[in-house]
Amino acid sequence: MNFLLTFRIAGIVATLSGIKMYITGWDNKWGVQISSSAALFLSLLGCTMFFLSFIVKQKISRGEMICTKCKTKYQTRHIQINICPKCDGKLVPFIEE
């Protein structure tokens, strides 16, 4: 599963849990009273996680390497050593800009 999708789902769950705790005043799993400020904090944390998941972009392209000399891209699954077959340059993970 995509990391950002997981982050969005966690944000939604935290927000809904915080709202439920704020309304009821109880943590339904452990049976502990929750203060309204703690419930609001959890809700705001969830909202922050959810909205940041749209702003943050994954920069490292998983599965691609690029040569530092000739700038040729290769799929990671085809690479056994980190040396370019064309120019003997060093292969590093490809980072999108």
C-alpha atoms as a PDB file:
ATOM      1  CA  MET A   1       0.000   0.000   0.000  1.00  0.00           C
ATOM      2  CA  ASN A   2       1.199   3.472  -0.786  1.00  0.00           C
ATOM      3  CA  PHE A   3       2.756   5.353   2.132  1.00  0.00           C
ATOM      4  CA  LEU A   4       0.711   8.505   1.536  1.00  0.00           C
ATOM      5  CA  LEU A   5      -2.528   6.539   1.372  1.00  0.00           C
ATOM      6  CA  THR A   6      -1.684   4.919   4.713  1.00  0.00           C
ATOM      7  CA  PHE A   7      -0.937   8.367   6.145  1.00  0.00           C
ATOM      8  CA  ARG A   8      -4.319   9.650   4.910  1.00  0.00           C
ATOM      9  CA  ILE A   9      -6.212   6.721   6.394  1.00  0.00           C
ATOM     10  CA  ALA A  10      -4.416   7.161   9.734  1.00  0.00           C
ATOM     11  CA  GLY A  11      -5.317  10.852   9.695  1.00  0.00           C
ATOM     12  CA  ILE A  12      -8.986  10.104   9.079  1.00  0.00           C
ATOM     13  CA  VAL A  13      -9.072   7.453  11.833  1.00  0.00           C
ATOM     14  CA  ALA A  14      -7.346   9.768  14.334  1.00  0.00           C
ATOM     15  CA  THR A  15      -9.716  12.627  13.516  1.00  0.00           C
ATOM     16  CA  LEU A  16     -12.844  10.503  13.856  1.00  0.00           C
ATOM     17  CA  SER A  17     -11.566   8.913  17.086  1.00  0.00           C
ATOM     18  CA  GLY A  18     -10.811  12.349  18.536  1.00  0.00           C
ATOM     19  CA  ILE A  19     -14.281  13.626  17.655  1.00  0.00           C
ATOM     20  CA  LYS A  20     -15.915  10.568  19.204  1.00  0.00           C
ATOM     21  CA  MET A  21     -13.814  10.949  22.364  1.00  0.00           C
ATOM     22  CA  TYR A  22     -14.684  14.636  22.562  1.00  0.00           C
ATOM     23  CA  ILE A  23     -18.419  13.923  22.317  1.00  0.00           C
ATOM     24  CA  THR A  24     -18.517  10.963  24.716  1.00  0.00           C
ATOM     25  CA  GLY A  25     -15.622  11.916  27.017  1.00  0.00           C
ATOM     26  CA  TRP A  26     -14.476   8.300  27.124  1.00  0.00           C
ATOM     27  CA  ASP A  27     -11.962   6.125  25.362  1.00  0.00           C
ATOM     28  CA  ASN A  28     -14.189   3.216  24.368  1.00  0.00           C
ATOM     29  CA  LYS A  29     -11.366   0.694  24.047  1.00  0.00           C
ATOM     30  CA  TRP A  30      -9.876   0.942  27.557  1.00  0.00           C
ATOM     31  CA  GLY A  31     -12.754   2.605  29.413  1.00  0.00           C
ATOM     32  CA  VAL A  32     -10.699   5.624  30.466  1.00  0.00           C
ATOM     33  CA  GLN A  33     -12.025   9.157  30.723  1.00  0.00           C
ATOM     34  CA  ILE A  34     -10.457  11.536  28.209  1.00  0.00           C
ATOM     35  CA  SER A  35     -10.247  15.283  28.757  1.00  0.00           C
ATOM     36  CA  SER A  36     -11.709  17.489  26.065  1.00  0.00           C
ATOM     37  CA  SER A  37      -8.323  19.081  25.375  1.00  0.00           C
ATOM     38  CA  ALA A  38      -6.733  15.662  24.715  1.00  0.00           C
ATOM     39  CA  ALA A  39      -9.570  14.730  22.368  1.00  0.00           C
ATOM     40  CA  LEU A  40      -9.224  18.033  20.495  1.00  0.00           C
ATOM     41  CA  PHE A  41      -5.467  17.505  20.249  1.00  0.00           C
ATOM     42  CA  LEU A  42      -6.013  14.057  18.709  1.00  0.00           C
ATOM     43  CA  SER A  43      -8.534  15.488  16.244  1.00  0.00           C
ATOM     44  CA  LEU A  44      -6.185  18.286  15.204  1.00  0.00           C
ATOM     45  CA  LEU A  45      -3.314  15.833  14.864  1.00  0.00           C
ATOM     46  CA  GLY A  46      -5.428  13.664  12.582  1.00  0.00           C
ATOM     47  CA  CYS A  47      -6.465  16.655  10.465  1.00  0.00           C
ATOM     48  CA  THR A  48      -2.833  17.726  10.180  1.00  0.00           C
ATOM     49  CA  MET A  49      -1.747  14.249   9.089  1.00  0.00           C
ATOM     50  CA  PHE A  50      -4.525  14.107   6.502  1.00  0.00           C
ATOM     51  CA  PHE A  51      -3.782  17.513   4.954  1.00  0.00           C
ATOM     52  CA  LEU A  52      -0.003  17.032   4.987  1.00  0.00           C
ATOM     53  CA  SER A  53      -0.415  13.817   3.018  1.00  0.00           C
ATOM     54  CA  PHE A  54      -1.614  15.928   0.079  1.00  0.00           C
ATOM     55  CA  ILE A  55       1.239  18.438   0.351  1.00  0.00           C
ATOM     56  CA  VAL A  56       4.154  16.035   0.798  1.00  0.00           C
ATOM     57  CA  LYS A  57       5.249  14.227  -2.345  1.00  0.00           C
ATOM     58  CA  GLN A  58       7.345  11.106  -2.466  1.00  0.00           C
ATOM     59  CA  LYS A  59      10.558  12.239  -4.112  1.00  0.00           C
ATOM     60  CA  ILE A  60      12.497   8.999  -4.356  1.00  0.00           C
ATOM     61  CA  SER A  61      11.274   6.902  -7.245  1.00  0.00           C
ATOM     62  CA  ARG A  62      11.284   3.334  -6.003  1.00  0.00           C
ATOM     63  CA  GLY A  63      12.786   0.924  -8.436  1.00  0.00           C
ATOM     64  CA  GLU A  64      14.967   3.247 -10.516  1.00  0.00           C
ATOM     65  CA  MET A  65      18.679   3.995 -10.412  1.00  0.00           C
ATOM     66  CA  ILE A  66      20.514   6.685 -12.374  1.00  0.00           C
ATOM     67  CA  CYS A  67      24.142   6.903 -13.457  1.00  0.00           C
ATOM     68  CA  THR A  68      26.079   9.873 -12.070  1.00  0.00           C
ATOM     69  CA  LYS A  69      28.121  10.244 -15.298  1.00  0.00           C
ATOM     70  CA  CYS A  70      25.877   9.535 -18.288  1.00  0.00           C
ATOM     71  CA  LYS A  71      22.501  10.096 -16.527  1.00  0.00           C
ATOM     72  CA  THR A  72      21.013   6.852 -17.895  1.00  0.00           C
ATOM     73  CA  LYS A  73      18.178   5.345 -15.838  1.00  0.00           C
ATOM     74  CA  TYR A  74      17.938   1.653 -15.009  1.00  0.00           C
ATOM     75  CA  GLN A  75      15.314  -0.430 -13.245  1.00  0.00           C
ATOM     76  CA  THR A  76      16.547  -1.706  -9.877  1.00  0.00           C
ATOM     77  CA  ARG A  77      15.439  -5.248 -10.629  1.00  0.00           C
ATOM     78  CA  HIS A  78      17.953  -5.409 -13.518  1.00  0.00           C
ATOM     79  CA  ILE A  79      20.925  -4.195 -11.461  1.00  0.00           C
ATOM     80  CA  GLN A  80      23.202  -6.535  -9.548  1.00  0.00           C
ATOM     81  CA  ILE A  81      26.062  -4.106  -8.806  1.00  0.00           C
ATOM     82  CA  ASN A  82      25.950  -0.312  -8.569  1.00  0.00           C
ATOM     83  CA  ILE A  83      28.061   0.332 -11.680  1.00  0.00           C
ATOM     84  CA  CYS A  84      26.718   1.631 -14.992  1.00  0.00           C
ATOM     85  CA  PRO A  85      27.155  -0.917 -17.807  1.00  0.00           C
ATOM     86  CA  LYS A  86      27.683   1.856 -20.402  1.00  0.00           C
ATOM     87  CA  CYS A  87      30.272   4.158 -18.807  1.00  0.00           C
ATOM     88  CA  ASP A  88      31.299   2.426 -15.533  1.00  0.00           C
ATOM     89  CA  GLY A  89      29.850   5.331 -13.529  1.00  0.00           C
ATOM     90  CA  LYS A  90      28.285   4.988 -10.100  1.00  0.00           C
ATOM     91  CA  LEU A  91      24.545   4.186  -9.937  1.00  0.00           C
ATOM     92  CA  VAL A  92      22.522   6.024  -7.276  1.00  0.00           C
ATOM     93  CA  PRO A  93      18.766   6.011  -6.483  1.00  0.00           C
ATOM     94  CA  PHE A  94      16.822   8.277  -8.835  1.00  0.00           C
ATOM     95  CA  ILE A  95      15.293  11.303  -7.082  1.00  0.00           C
ATOM     96  CA  GLU A  96      12.580  13.286  -8.868  1.00  0.00           C
ATOM     97  CA  GLU A  97      12.721  17.050  -8.637  1.00  0.00           C
END
